[in-house]
C-alpha atoms as a PDB file:
ATOM      1  CA  MET A   1      95.891 154.463 158.669  1.00  0.00           C
ATOM      2  CA  SER A   2      95.156 153.224 162.192  1.00  0.00           C
ATOM      3  CA  LYS A   3      92.037 151.235 162.953  1.00  0.00           C
ATOM      4  CA  THR A   4      89.087 152.869 164.727  1.00  0.00           C
ATOM      5  CA  ALA A   5      86.494 151.687 167.229  1.00  0.00           C
ATOM      6  CA  ILE A   6      83.216 152.740 168.830  1.00  0.00           C
ATOM      7  CA  LEU A   7      82.787 151.783 172.474  1.00  0.00           C
ATOM      8  CA  ILE A   8      79.319 151.260 173.997  1.00  0.00           C
ATOM      9  CA  GLY A   9      79.436 151.209 177.793  1.00  0.00           C
ATOM     10  CA  TYR A  10      82.126 152.621 180.065  1.00  0.00           C
ATOM     11  CA  GLY A  11      81.668 150.687 183.274  1.00  0.00           C
ATOM     12  CA  GLY A  12      84.251 148.260 184.622  1.00  0.00           C
ATOM     13  CA  MET A  13      84.421 146.143 181.463  1.00  0.00           C
ATOM     14  CA  GLY A  14      84.137 149.147 179.141  1.00  0.00           C
ATOM     15  CA  ARG A  15      87.224 150.659 180.760  1.00  0.00           C
ATOM     16  CA  ARG A  16      89.095 147.406 180.189  1.00  0.00           C
ATOM     17  CA  TYR A  17      88.092 147.486 176.520  1.00  0.00           C
ATOM     18  CA  HIS A  18      89.435 151.025 176.318  1.00  0.00           C
ATOM     19  CA  GLN A  19      92.793 149.912 177.713  1.00  0.00           C
ATOM     20  CA  ALA A  20      92.845 146.870 175.398  1.00  0.00           C
ATOM     21  CA  LEU A  21      92.123 149.043 172.362  1.00  0.00           C
ATOM     22  CA  LYS A  22      94.963 151.348 173.406  1.00  0.00           C
ATOM     23  CA  LEU A  23      97.344 148.374 173.593  1.00  0.00           C
ATOM     24  CA  MET A  24      96.196 147.325 170.117  1.00  0.00           C
ATOM     25  CA  ARG A  25      96.676 150.895 168.857  1.00  0.00           C
ATOM     26  CA  ILE A  26      93.041 151.166 167.858  1.00  0.00           C
ATOM     27  CA  LYS A  27      91.615 154.656 168.174  1.00  0.00           C
ATOM     28  CA  VAL A  28      88.286 155.099 169.996  1.00  0.00           C
ATOM     29  CA  ILE A  29      86.409 157.685 167.935  1.00  0.00           C
ATOM     30  CA  ALA A  30      83.137 157.574 169.863  1.00  0.00           C
ATOM     31  CA  ILE A  31      81.865 156.395 173.219  1.00  0.00           C
ATOM     32  CA  CYS A  32      78.330 155.943 174.503  1.00  0.00           C
ATOM     33  CA  ASP A  33      77.576 155.820 178.214  1.00  0.00           C
ATOM     34  CA  LYS A  34      74.845 157.352 180.376  1.00  0.00           C
ATOM     35  CA  LYS A  35      77.111 158.308 183.267  1.00  0.00           C
ATOM     36  CA  ILE A  36      80.435 159.316 181.753  1.00  0.00           C
ATOM     37  CA  ASN A  37      81.982 162.306 183.580  1.00  0.00           C
ATOM     38  CA  GLN A  38      84.563 164.913 182.714  1.00  0.00           C
ATOM     39  CA  LYS A  39      87.351 162.987 184.439  1.00  0.00           C
ATOM     40  CA  ASP A  40      86.557 159.986 182.206  1.00  0.00           C
ATOM     41  CA  LYS A  41      86.410 162.200 179.132  1.00  0.00           C
ATOM     42  CA  ASN A  42      89.946 163.386 179.833  1.00  0.00           C
ATOM     43  CA  ASN A  43      91.132 159.820 179.106  1.00  0.00           C
ATOM     44  CA  PHE A  44      90.160 160.229 175.448  1.00  0.00           C
ATOM     45  CA  GLU A  45      91.399 162.389 172.605  1.00  0.00           C
ATOM     46  CA  LYS A  46      89.751 165.798 172.198  1.00  0.00           C
ATOM     47  CA  GLU A  47      87.962 164.906 168.984  1.00  0.00           C
ATOM     48  CA  THR A  48      86.280 161.843 170.524  1.00  0.00           C
ATOM     49  CA  ILE A  49      82.484 161.906 170.257  1.00  0.00           C
ATOM     50  CA  PHE A  50      80.593 161.419 173.524  1.00  0.00           C
ATOM     51  CA  THR A  51      76.928 160.508 173.689  1.00  0.00           C
ATOM     52  CA  THR A  52      74.351 158.998 176.002  1.00  0.00           C
ATOM     53  CA  ASP A  53      72.331 157.572 173.095  1.00  0.00           C
ATOM     54  CA  TYR A  54      74.000 155.087 170.714  1.00  0.00           C
ATOM     55  CA  ARG A  55      71.439 155.913 168.010  1.00  0.00           C
ATOM     56  CA  THR A  56      73.140 159.282 167.459  1.00  0.00           C
ATOM     57  CA  LEU A  57      76.123 157.350 166.078  1.00  0.00           C
ATOM     58  CA  SER A  58      74.171 155.970 163.115  1.00  0.00           C
ATOM     59  CA  SER A  59      76.203 157.839 160.473  1.00  0.00           C
ATOM     60  CA  LEU A  60      79.562 156.987 162.006  1.00  0.00           C
ATOM     61  CA  LYS A  61      81.797 154.375 160.426  1.00  0.00           C
ATOM     62  CA  ALA A  62      84.438 152.409 162.320  1.00  0.00           C
ATOM     63  CA  ASP A  63      86.483 149.240 161.971  1.00  0.00           C
ATOM     64  CA  LEU A  64      85.157 147.770 165.219  1.00  0.00           C
ATOM     65  CA  LEU A  65      82.191 148.092 167.584  1.00  0.00           C
ATOM     66  CA  CYS A  66      82.745 147.016 171.211  1.00  0.00           C
ATOM     67  CA  VAL A  67      79.551 146.423 173.189  1.00  0.00           C
ATOM     68  CA  ALA A  68      80.299 146.461 176.921  1.00  0.00           C
ATOM     69  CA  SER A  69      76.936 147.701 178.176  1.00  0.00           C
ATOM     70  CA  ASN A  70      74.679 145.594 180.418  1.00  0.00           C
ATOM     71  CA  THR A  71      73.220 142.374 178.988  1.00  0.00           C
ATOM     72  CA  GLN A  72      69.644 143.596 178.628  1.00  0.00           C
ATOM     73  CA  SER A  73      70.702 146.490 176.381  1.00  0.00           C
ATOM     74  CA  ARG A  74      72.864 144.417 174.046  1.00  0.00           C
ATOM     75  CA  PHE A  75      70.062 142.945 171.914  1.00  0.00           C
ATOM     76  CA  GLU A  76      68.748 146.364 170.829  1.00  0.00           C
ATOM     77  CA  ILE A  77      72.267 147.721 170.300  1.00  0.00           C
ATOM     78  CA  LEU A  78      73.287 144.758 168.118  1.00  0.00           C
ATOM     79  CA  ASN A  79      69.997 144.930 166.226  1.00  0.00           C
ATOM     80  CA  PHE A  80      70.476 148.651 165.566  1.00  0.00           C
ATOM     81  CA  PHE A  81      74.037 148.424 164.229  1.00  0.00           C
ATOM     82  CA  CYS A  82      73.344 145.240 162.265  1.00  0.00           C
ATOM     83  CA  ARG A  83      70.566 146.979 160.337  1.00  0.00           C
ATOM     84  CA  LEU A  84      72.871 149.919 159.580  1.00  0.00           C
ATOM     85  CA  ARG A  85      75.607 147.569 158.287  1.00  0.00           C
ATOM     86  CA  ASN A  86      78.265 150.304 158.443  1.00  0.00           C
ATOM     87  CA  ILE A  87      80.392 148.372 160.971  1.00  0.00           C
ATOM     88  CA  LYS A  88      81.320 144.844 159.951  1.00  0.00           C
ATOM     89  CA  LYS A  89      83.166 143.700 163.077  1.00  0.00           C
ATOM     90  CA  ILE A  90      81.618 143.531 166.555  1.00  0.00           C
ATOM     91  CA  ILE A  91      82.890 142.246 169.910  1.00  0.00           C
ATOM     92  CA  THR A  92      80.252 141.913 172.616  1.00  0.00           C
ATOM     93  CA  GLU A  93      80.461 140.974 176.273  1.00  0.00           C
ATOM     94  CA  LYS A  94      79.046 137.813 177.774  1.00  0.00           C
ATOM     95  CA  PRO A  95      76.468 136.531 178.440  1.00  0.00           C
ATOM     96  CA  LEU A  96      75.081 137.054 174.958  1.00  0.00           C
ATOM     97  CA  SER A  97      71.508 137.956 175.918  1.00  0.00           C
ATOM     98  CA  THR A  98      68.809 137.717 178.591  1.00  0.00           C
ATOM     99  CA  SER A  99      66.810 134.996 176.768  1.00  0.00           C
ATOM    100  CA  TYR A 100      67.564 132.146 174.388  1.00  0.00           C
ATOM    101  CA  GLN A 101      64.931 133.542 172.042  1.00  0.00           C
ATOM    102  CA  ASN A 102      66.962 136.736 171.649  1.00  0.00           C
ATOM    103  CA  CYS A 103      70.169 134.722 171.191  1.00  0.00           C
ATOM    104  CA  LEU A 104      68.638 133.072 168.120  1.00  0.00           C
ATOM    105  CA  LYS A 105      67.514 136.456 166.794  1.00  0.00           C
ATOM    106  CA  ILE A 106      71.043 137.809 167.211  1.00  0.00           C
ATOM    107  CA  GLU A 107      72.432 134.807 165.325  1.00  0.00           C
ATOM    108  CA  LYS A 108      69.987 135.367 162.456  1.00  0.00           C
ATOM    109  CA  MET A 109      70.676 139.105 162.092  1.00  0.00           C
ATOM    110  CA  ILE A 110      74.463 138.683 162.347  1.00  0.00           C
ATOM    111  CA  LYS A 111      74.656 135.961 159.708  1.00  0.00           C
ATOM    112  CA  LYS A 112      72.070 137.608 157.442  1.00  0.00           C
ATOM    113  CA  ASN A 113      74.077 140.846 157.344  1.00  0.00           C
ATOM    114  CA  LYS A 114      77.439 139.000 157.107  1.00  0.00           C
ATOM    115  CA  ILE A 115      78.855 140.741 160.126  1.00  0.00           C
ATOM    116  CA  ARG A 116      81.735 139.320 162.131  1.00  0.00           C
ATOM    117  CA  LEU A 117      80.796 138.922 165.780  1.00  0.00           C
ATOM    118  CA  ILE A 118      82.830 137.537 168.647  1.00  0.00           C
ATOM    119  CA  VAL A 119      81.535 137.057 172.175  1.00  0.00           C
ATOM    120  CA  ASN A 120      84.445 137.903 174.455  1.00  0.00           C
ATOM    121  CA  THR A 121      85.111 134.417 175.840  1.00  0.00           C
ATOM    122  CA  HIS A 122      88.804 135.104 175.322  1.00  0.00           C
ATOM    123  CA  ARG A 123      90.114 131.887 176.894  1.00  0.00           C
ATOM    124  CA  SER A 124      89.465 130.078 173.584  1.00  0.00           C
ATOM    125  CA  TYR A 125      92.198 132.311 172.136  1.00  0.00           C
ATOM    126  CA  SER A 126      94.422 132.426 175.227  1.00  0.00           C
ATOM    127  CA  PRO A 127      97.989 131.084 174.826  1.00  0.00           C
ATOM    128  CA  ASN A 128      97.623 129.597 178.317  1.00  0.00           C
ATOM    129  CA  PHE A 129      94.601 127.473 177.452  1.00  0.00           C
ATOM    130  CA  LEU A 130      95.940 126.590 173.999  1.00  0.00           C
ATOM    131  CA  PHE A 131      99.089 125.421 175.826  1.00  0.00           C
ATOM    132  CA  LEU A 132      97.017 123.210 178.161  1.00  0.00           C
ATOM    133  CA  LYS A 133      95.179 121.700 175.202  1.00  0.00           C
ATOM    134  CA  LYS A 134      98.494 120.850 173.557  1.00  0.00           C
ATOM    135  CA  ILE A 135      99.645 119.051 176.718  1.00  0.00           C
ATOM    136  CA  PHE A 136      96.727 116.644 176.395  1.00  0.00           C
ATOM    137  CA  GLU A 137      97.271 116.265 172.662  1.00  0.00           C
ATOM    138  CA  LYS A 138     101.020 115.648 173.052  1.00  0.00           C
ATOM    139  CA  ASN A 139     100.303 112.880 175.587  1.00  0.00           C
ATOM    140  CA  LYS A 140      97.554 111.444 173.354  1.00  0.00           C
ATOM    141  CA  GLU A 141      95.027 112.098 176.089  1.00  0.00           C
ATOM    142  CA  LYS A 142      91.467 113.338 175.653  1.00  0.00           C
ATOM    143  CA  PRO A 143      89.908 115.380 178.483  1.00  0.00           C
ATOM    144  CA  SER A 144      86.797 113.629 179.751  1.00  0.00           C
ATOM    145  CA  THR A 145      85.843 115.472 182.938  1.00  0.00           C
ATOM    146  CA  ILE A 146      86.012 119.084 184.105  1.00  0.00           C
ATOM    147  CA  PHE A 147      85.291 120.309 187.631  1.00  0.00           C
ATOM    148  CA  ILE A 148      84.526 123.962 188.319  1.00  0.00           C
ATOM    149  CA  ASN A 149      84.639 125.239 191.865  1.00  0.00           C
ATOM    150  CA  SER A 150      83.788 128.922 192.002  1.00  0.00           C
ATOM    151  CA  PRO A 151      82.362 131.601 194.231  1.00  0.00           C
ATOM    152  CA  CYS A 152      79.110 133.059 192.995  1.00  0.00           C
ATOM    153  CA  ALA A 153      79.928 135.296 190.071  1.00  0.00           C
ATOM    154  CA  GLY A 154      76.630 134.359 188.450  1.00  0.00           C
ATOM    155  CA  ILE A 155      75.518 131.480 186.246  1.00  0.00           C
ATOM    156  CA  GLY A 156      75.235 133.962 183.368  1.00  0.00           C
ATOM    157  CA  ASN A 157      78.457 135.886 183.882  1.00  0.00           C
ATOM    158  CA  MET A 158      80.982 133.217 184.904  1.00  0.00           C
ATOM    159  CA  GLY A 159      78.838 130.258 183.885  1.00  0.00           C
ATOM    160  CA  SER A 160      79.220 131.406 180.278  1.00  0.00           C
ATOM    161  CA  THR A 161      83.003 131.419 180.773  1.00  0.00           C
ATOM    162  CA  PHE A 162      83.202 127.970 182.356  1.00  0.00           C
ATOM    163  CA  PHE A 163      80.785 126.308 179.923  1.00  0.00           C
ATOM    164  CA  ASP A 164      82.769 127.768 177.023  1.00  0.00           C
ATOM    165  CA  ILE A 165      85.941 126.227 178.486  1.00  0.00           C
ATOM    166  CA  ALA A 166      84.230 122.809 178.500  1.00  0.00           C
ATOM    167  CA  TYR A 167      83.430 123.202 174.778  1.00  0.00           C
ATOM    168  CA  PHE A 168      87.040 124.181 174.163  1.00  0.00           C
ATOM    169  CA  PHE A 169      88.486 121.018 175.712  1.00  0.00           C
ATOM    170  CA  PHE A 170      85.769 118.499 174.841  1.00  0.00           C
ATOM    171  CA  ASN A 171      85.325 119.411 171.146  1.00  0.00           C
ATOM    172  CA  THR A 172      81.819 117.990 171.186  1.00  0.00           C
ATOM    173  CA  LYS A 173      78.253 119.094 171.911  1.00  0.00           C
ATOM    174  CA  PRO A 174      76.349 118.861 175.196  1.00  0.00           C
ATOM    175  CA  LYS A 175      73.444 116.459 175.559  1.00  0.00           C
ATOM    176  CA  SER A 176      71.729 117.431 178.781  1.00  0.00           C
ATOM    177  CA  VAL A 177      71.821 119.553 181.929  1.00  0.00           C
ATOM    178  CA  VAL A 178      70.704 118.906 185.466  1.00  0.00           C
ATOM    179  CA  GLY A 179      71.132 121.763 187.927  1.00  0.00           C
ATOM    180  CA  LYS A 180      69.866 123.853 190.801  1.00  0.00           C
ATOM    181  CA  ILE A 181      69.792 127.644 190.950  1.00  0.00           C
ATOM    182  CA  ASP A 182      70.954 129.160 194.236  1.00  0.00           C
ATOM    183  CA  LYS A 183      68.070 130.619 196.284  1.00  0.00           C
ATOM    184  CA  THR A 184      70.013 132.641 198.830  1.00  0.00           C
ATOM    185  CA  GLY A 185      69.059 135.897 197.101  1.00  0.00           C
ATOM    186  CA  THR A 186      72.453 137.573 197.315  1.00  0.00           C
ATOM    187  CA  ILE A 187      72.220 141.057 195.822  1.00  0.00           C
ATOM    188  CA  ASN A 188      74.108 141.400 192.548  1.00  0.00           C
ATOM    189  CA  SER A 189      77.307 143.423 192.941  1.00  0.00           C
ATOM    190  CA  ARG A 190      76.283 145.565 189.951  1.00  0.00           C
ATOM    191  CA  GLY A 191      72.896 146.577 191.379  1.00  0.00           C
ATOM    192  CA  LYS A 192      69.610 145.261 192.761  1.00  0.00           C
ATOM    193  CA  LYS A 193      67.866 145.262 189.377  1.00  0.00           C
ATOM    194  CA  PHE A 194      70.228 142.616 188.011  1.00  0.00           C
ATOM    195  CA  LYS A 195      69.552 138.924 188.629  1.00  0.00           C
ATOM    196  CA  ASP A 196      72.411 136.523 188.068  1.00  0.00           C
ATOM    197  CA  PRO A 197      72.277 133.880 190.806  1.00  0.00           C
ATOM    198  CA  GLY A 198      74.785 131.119 191.384  1.00  0.00           C
ATOM    199  CA  GLY A 199      74.005 127.448 190.979  1.00  0.00           C
ATOM    200  CA  HIS A 200      75.413 123.966 190.634  1.00  0.00           C
ATOM    201  CA  GLY A 201      74.916 121.043 188.310  1.00  0.00           C
ATOM    202  CA  ILE A 202      76.216 118.659 185.666  1.00  0.00           C
ATOM    203  CA  ILE A 203      76.357 119.114 181.906  1.00  0.00           C
ATOM    204  CA  SER A 204      76.654 115.812 180.035  1.00  0.00           C
ATOM    205  CA  PHE A 205      78.392 116.013 176.658  1.00  0.00           C
ATOM    206  CA  ASN A 206      78.638 113.509 173.835  1.00  0.00           C
ATOM    207  CA  LYS A 207      81.372 110.847 174.086  1.00  0.00           C
ATOM    208  CA  ASN A 208      80.703 110.418 177.823  1.00  0.00           C
ATOM    209  CA  LYS A 209      82.285 113.754 178.740  1.00  0.00           C
ATOM    210  CA  LYS A 210      81.017 115.674 181.771  1.00  0.00           C
ATOM    211  CA  LEU A 211      81.245 119.141 183.291  1.00  0.00           C
ATOM    212  CA  PHE A 212      80.567 119.399 187.030  1.00  0.00           C
ATOM    213  CA  PHE A 213      80.044 123.005 188.102  1.00  0.00           C
ATOM    214  CA  ASP A 214      79.492 124.636 191.470  1.00  0.00           C
ATOM    215  CA  LEU A 215      78.961 128.397 191.469  1.00  0.00           C
ATOM    216  CA  SER A 216      77.032 128.422 194.713  1.00  0.00           C
ATOM    217  CA  GLU A 217      76.824 131.386 197.074  1.00  0.00           C
ATOM    218  CA  ASN A 218      78.609 129.688 199.961  1.00  0.00           C
ATOM    219  CA  THR A 219      82.281 130.222 199.185  1.00  0.00           C
ATOM    220  CA  GLY A 220      84.458 133.254 198.577  1.00  0.00           C
ATOM    221  CA  LEU A 221      87.660 131.594 197.437  1.00  0.00           C
ATOM    222  CA  PRO A 222      89.005 132.147 193.891  1.00  0.00           C
ATOM    223  CA  TYR A 223      87.657 129.742 191.285  1.00  0.00           C
ATOM    224  CA  THR A 224      89.590 126.662 190.229  1.00  0.00           C
ATOM    225  CA  ILE A 225      89.237 124.618 187.060  1.00  0.00           C
ATOM    226  CA  THR A 226      90.248 120.943 187.077  1.00  0.00           C
ATOM    227  CA  ILE A 227      90.576 119.196 183.706  1.00  0.00           C
ATOM    228  CA  LYS A 228      91.031 115.407 183.771  1.00  0.00           C
ATOM    229  CA  SER A 229      91.750 112.652 181.297  1.00  0.00           C
ATOM    230  CA  GLU A 230      92.715 109.015 181.988  1.00  0.00           C
ATOM    231  CA  ASN A 231      96.293 109.763 182.994  1.00  0.00           C
ATOM    232  CA  LEU A 232      96.491 113.543 183.345  1.00  0.00           C
ATOM    233  CA  GLU A 233      94.954 116.188 185.568  1.00  0.00           C
ATOM    234  CA  ILE A 234      95.496 119.925 185.271  1.00  0.00           C
ATOM    235  CA  ILE A 235      94.391 122.222 188.081  1.00  0.00           C
ATOM    236  CA  VAL A 236      94.039 125.889 187.148  1.00  0.00           C
ATOM    237  CA  ASP A 237      93.998 128.700 189.705  1.00  0.00           C
ATOM    238  CA  GLU A 238      93.874 131.291 186.958  1.00  0.00           C
ATOM    239  CA  ILE A 239      93.615 134.451 189.051  1.00  0.00           C
ATOM    240  CA  ASN A 240      96.772 133.549 191.007  1.00  0.00           C
ATOM    241  CA  ASN A 241      98.614 132.268 187.906  1.00  0.00           C
ATOM    242  CA  ASN A 242      99.030 128.795 189.390  1.00  0.00           C
ATOM    243  CA  PHE A 243      98.726 125.920 186.875  1.00  0.00           C
ATOM    244  CA  ILE A 244      99.536 122.416 188.174  1.00  0.00           C
ATOM    245  CA  LEU A 245      99.913 119.232 186.111  1.00  0.00           C
ATOM    246  CA  LYS A 246      99.478 115.804 187.735  1.00  0.00           C
ATOM    247  CA  GLN A 247     100.411 112.624 185.851  1.00  0.00           C
ATOM    248  CA  ARG A 248     100.136 108.912 186.399  1.00  0.00           C
ATOM    249  CA  PRO A 249     103.629 107.364 186.292  1.00  0.00           C
ATOM    250  CA  ASN A 250     104.432 105.476 183.096  1.00  0.00           C
ATOM    251  CA  ASN A 251     104.488 102.136 184.896  1.00  0.00           C
ATOM    252  CA  MET A 252     100.861 102.711 185.993  1.00  0.00           C
ATOM    253  CA  LYS A 253      99.447 103.578 182.599  1.00  0.00           C
ATOM    254  CA  LYS A 254      98.990  99.939 181.571  1.00  0.00           C
ATOM    255  CA  LYS A 255      97.095  99.135 184.754  1.00  0.00           C
ATOM    256  CA  PRO A 256      93.328  99.580 185.210  1.00  0.00           C
ATOM    257  CA  LEU A 257      92.213 103.053 186.222  1.00  0.00           C
ATOM    258  CA  TYR A 258      91.002 101.839 189.616  1.00  0.00           C
ATOM    259  CA  PHE A 259      94.673 101.391 190.671  1.00  0.00           C
ATOM    260  CA  TYR A 260      95.146 104.685 192.447  1.00  0.00           C
ATOM    261  CA  LEU A 261      97.506 103.962 195.353  1.00  0.00           C
ATOM    262  CA  PHE A 262     100.518 105.819 193.996  1.00  0.00           C
ATOM    263  CA  LYS A 263     102.130 109.219 194.110  1.00  0.00           C
ATOM    264  CA  PRO A 264     101.481 111.175 190.918  1.00  0.00           C
ATOM    265  CA  LYS A 265     104.163 113.202 189.223  1.00  0.00           C
ATOM    266  CA  ILE A 266     103.414 116.851 189.972  1.00  0.00           C
ATOM    267  CA  THR A 267     104.703 119.743 187.843  1.00  0.00           C
ATOM    268  CA  LYS A 268     104.077 123.451 188.166  1.00  0.00           C
ATOM    269  CA  LEU A 269     103.521 124.643 184.619  1.00  0.00           C
ATOM    270  CA  LYS A 270     105.237 127.687 183.212  1.00  0.00           C
ATOM    271  CA  ILE A 271     102.369 129.714 181.791  1.00  0.00           C
ATOM    272  CA  LYS A 272     102.451 131.932 178.729  1.00  0.00           C
ATOM    273  CA  HIS A 273     100.953 135.036 180.347  1.00  0.00           C
ATOM    274  CA  LYS A 274      99.657 136.239 183.699  1.00  0.00           C
ATOM    275  CA  PHE A 275      95.998 136.844 184.478  1.00  0.00           C
ATOM    276  CA  ASP A 276      95.186 140.251 183.024  1.00  0.00           C
ATOM    277  CA  VAL A 277      91.666 140.861 181.682  1.00  0.00           C
ATOM    278  CA  VAL A 278      92.839 143.804 179.557  1.00  0.00           C
ATOM    279  CA  LYS A 279      95.527 141.808 177.763  1.00  0.00           C
ATOM    280  CA  MET A 280      93.226 138.789 177.532  1.00  0.00           C
ATOM    281  CA  THR A 281      90.577 140.941 175.831  1.00  0.00           C
ATOM    282  CA  CYS A 282      93.253 141.754 173.262  1.00  0.00           C
ATOM    283  CA  PHE A 283      93.154 138.085 172.220  1.00  0.00           C
ATOM    284  CA  SER A 284      89.522 138.501 171.084  1.00  0.00           C
ATOM    285  CA  ILE A 285      90.267 141.801 169.314  1.00  0.00           C
ATOM    286  CA  ARG A 286      93.181 140.199 167.509  1.00  0.00           C
ATOM    287  CA  GLU A 287      91.015 137.243 166.496  1.00  0.00           C
ATOM    288  CA  ILE A 288      88.275 139.328 164.886  1.00  0.00           C
ATOM    289  CA  PHE A 289      90.772 141.036 162.567  1.00  0.00           C
ATOM    290  CA  LYS A 290      92.292 137.795 161.254  1.00  0.00           C
ATOM    291  CA  LYS A 291      91.909 137.097 157.551  1.00  0.00           C
ATOM    292  CA  LYS A 292      90.059 133.833 158.109  1.00  0.00           C
ATOM    293  CA  PHE A 293      86.867 134.040 160.145  1.00  0.00           C
ATOM    294  CA  SER A 294      84.090 131.630 161.038  1.00  0.00           C
ATOM    295  CA  TYR A 295      80.993 131.787 163.197  1.00  0.00           C
ATOM    296  CA  GLN A 296      82.314 129.063 165.497  1.00  0.00           C
ATOM    297  CA  ASN A 297      82.519 131.486 168.432  1.00  0.00           C
ATOM    298  CA  LEU A 298      78.935 132.697 167.920  1.00  0.00           C
ATOM    299  CA  ASP A 299      77.561 129.177 167.446  1.00  0.00           C
ATOM    300  CA  LYS A 300      79.315 128.073 170.614  1.00  0.00           C
ATOM    301  CA  ALA A 301      78.096 131.133 172.547  1.00  0.00           C
ATOM    302  CA  ILE A 302      74.488 130.363 171.615  1.00  0.00           C
ATOM    303  CA  SER A 303      74.895 126.735 172.675  1.00  0.00           C
ATOM    304  CA  VAL A 304      76.435 127.905 175.963  1.00  0.00           C
ATOM    305  CA  MET A 305      73.405 130.138 176.556  1.00  0.00           C
ATOM    306  CA  GLY A 306      71.252 127.053 175.938  1.00  0.00           C
ATOM    307  CA  CYS A 307      73.109 125.341 178.809  1.00  0.00           C
ATOM    308  CA  ILE A 308      72.529 128.340 181.054  1.00  0.00           C
ATOM    309  CA  PHE A 309      68.797 128.541 180.434  1.00  0.00           C
ATOM    310  CA  ALA A 310      68.586 124.736 180.677  1.00  0.00           C
ATOM    311  CA  THR A 311      69.996 125.070 184.206  1.00  0.00           C
ATOM    312  CA  PHE A 312      67.167 127.445 185.130  1.00  0.00           C
ATOM    313  CA  ALA A 313      64.606 125.087 183.541  1.00  0.00           C
ATOM    314  CA  SER A 314      66.102 122.043 185.292  1.00  0.00           C
ATOM    315  CA  SER A 315      66.036 123.821 188.649  1.00  0.00           C
ATOM    316  CA  LYS A 316      62.416 124.909 188.258  1.00  0.00           C
ATOM    317  CA  GLU A 317      61.126 121.549 187.026  1.00  0.00           C
ATOM    318  CA  SER A 318      63.492 119.327 189.075  1.00  0.00           C
ATOM    319  CA  LYS A 319      64.480 117.192 186.102  1.00  0.00           C
ATOM    320  CA  ILE A 320      67.174 116.592 183.511  1.00  0.00           C
ATOM    321  CA  VAL A 321      66.744 118.962 180.546  1.00  0.00           C
ATOM    322  CA  SER A 322      67.847 117.733 177.116  1.00  0.00           C
ATOM    323  CA  LEU A 323      69.817 119.916 174.715  1.00  0.00           C
ATOM    324  CA  PRO A 324      69.222 121.795 172.523  1.00  0.00           C
ATOM    325  CA  ILE A 325      66.495 123.204 174.752  1.00  0.00           C
ATOM    326  CA  LEU A 326      62.846 122.874 173.752  1.00  0.00           C
ATOM    327  CA  LYS A 327      61.016 125.898 172.355  1.00  0.00           C
ATOM    328  CA  LYS A 328      58.997 126.298 175.572  1.00  0.00           C
ATOM    329  CA  TYR A 329      62.239 127.295 177.335  1.00  0.00           C
ATOM    330  CA  HIS A 330      63.242 129.895 174.731  1.00  0.00           C
ATOM    331  CA  LYS A 331      61.331 132.656 176.509  1.00  0.00           C
ATOM    332  CA  ILE A 332      62.945 132.151 179.926  1.00  0.00           C
ATOM    333  CA  LYS A 333      64.254 135.613 180.723  1.00  0.00           C
ATOM    334  CA  VAL A 334      66.932 136.510 183.277  1.00  0.00           C
ATOM    335  CA  ASN A 335      68.147 140.083 183.750  1.00  0.00           C
ATOM    336  CA  PHE A 336      71.854 139.303 183.764  1.00  0.00           C
ATOM    337  CA  ALA A 337      74.148 142.245 184.551  1.00  0.00           C
END
């Protein structure tokens, strides 16, 4: 018998979930969205249930719940389905919630009800990024610094992606954040009511590892991710499928790191898959159905949200904010899209 899913939200990301579920041969048995039209309905099977209120789906059982609605709505949706306990696997979009306080509540309800939850930061499961990690491991190198240069896609939206990537490569916890939130007031592409500004800053991790991020509203070029260790540097232009490896020559590796007058060996890496958000979402769906499951993704997602709200706190108070964030910052609320 094929697996079934309920889909909450049918905007841009919801449509991608629908395509991903199709690729995974998972049948969508119900969909909730306030603005779904007849043309959209024609994309589903005739027996599919359509509703504008997710609470009408309380008696419905499915193998998977996909939450692709806006961030503000996710807390109540997760709370509702967790209390029902008739769906044991949930994938939700990022960022996790609009406040750190609600992130902790989500963690408590998910673990209390023994529900599997994955936040769709699919790069942790991506063959491309697993491949990059193996390059460092094979060369006995440990990434120590990551640089993010991105147009403003929001500190909540893309910040959650980039901060998650830092966790993935560093394998250690962050210690502090210093940052500035962009004040240009650019209207969010998803509507005026949403607030997800850009920003820049530094996240210091244990073991002297650092993430430098710039998501300011003064560039429109595709984002790049640069991951560096002592002798390796990988530059990722993910959207254009361009992954470049730079290496110090072997004869330079015994010399101090301040010897830099040389030509590095440059290799264009052959990646495992092209940039495709639909297929990349499949990685998260595949992960949630594996036999072995842990809350590592959820724990990491909550810590990432701590970094995001710490950036807002640091910007407001003009100081370095230690992690995990103090309780006085738990109520900082941002209406991410």
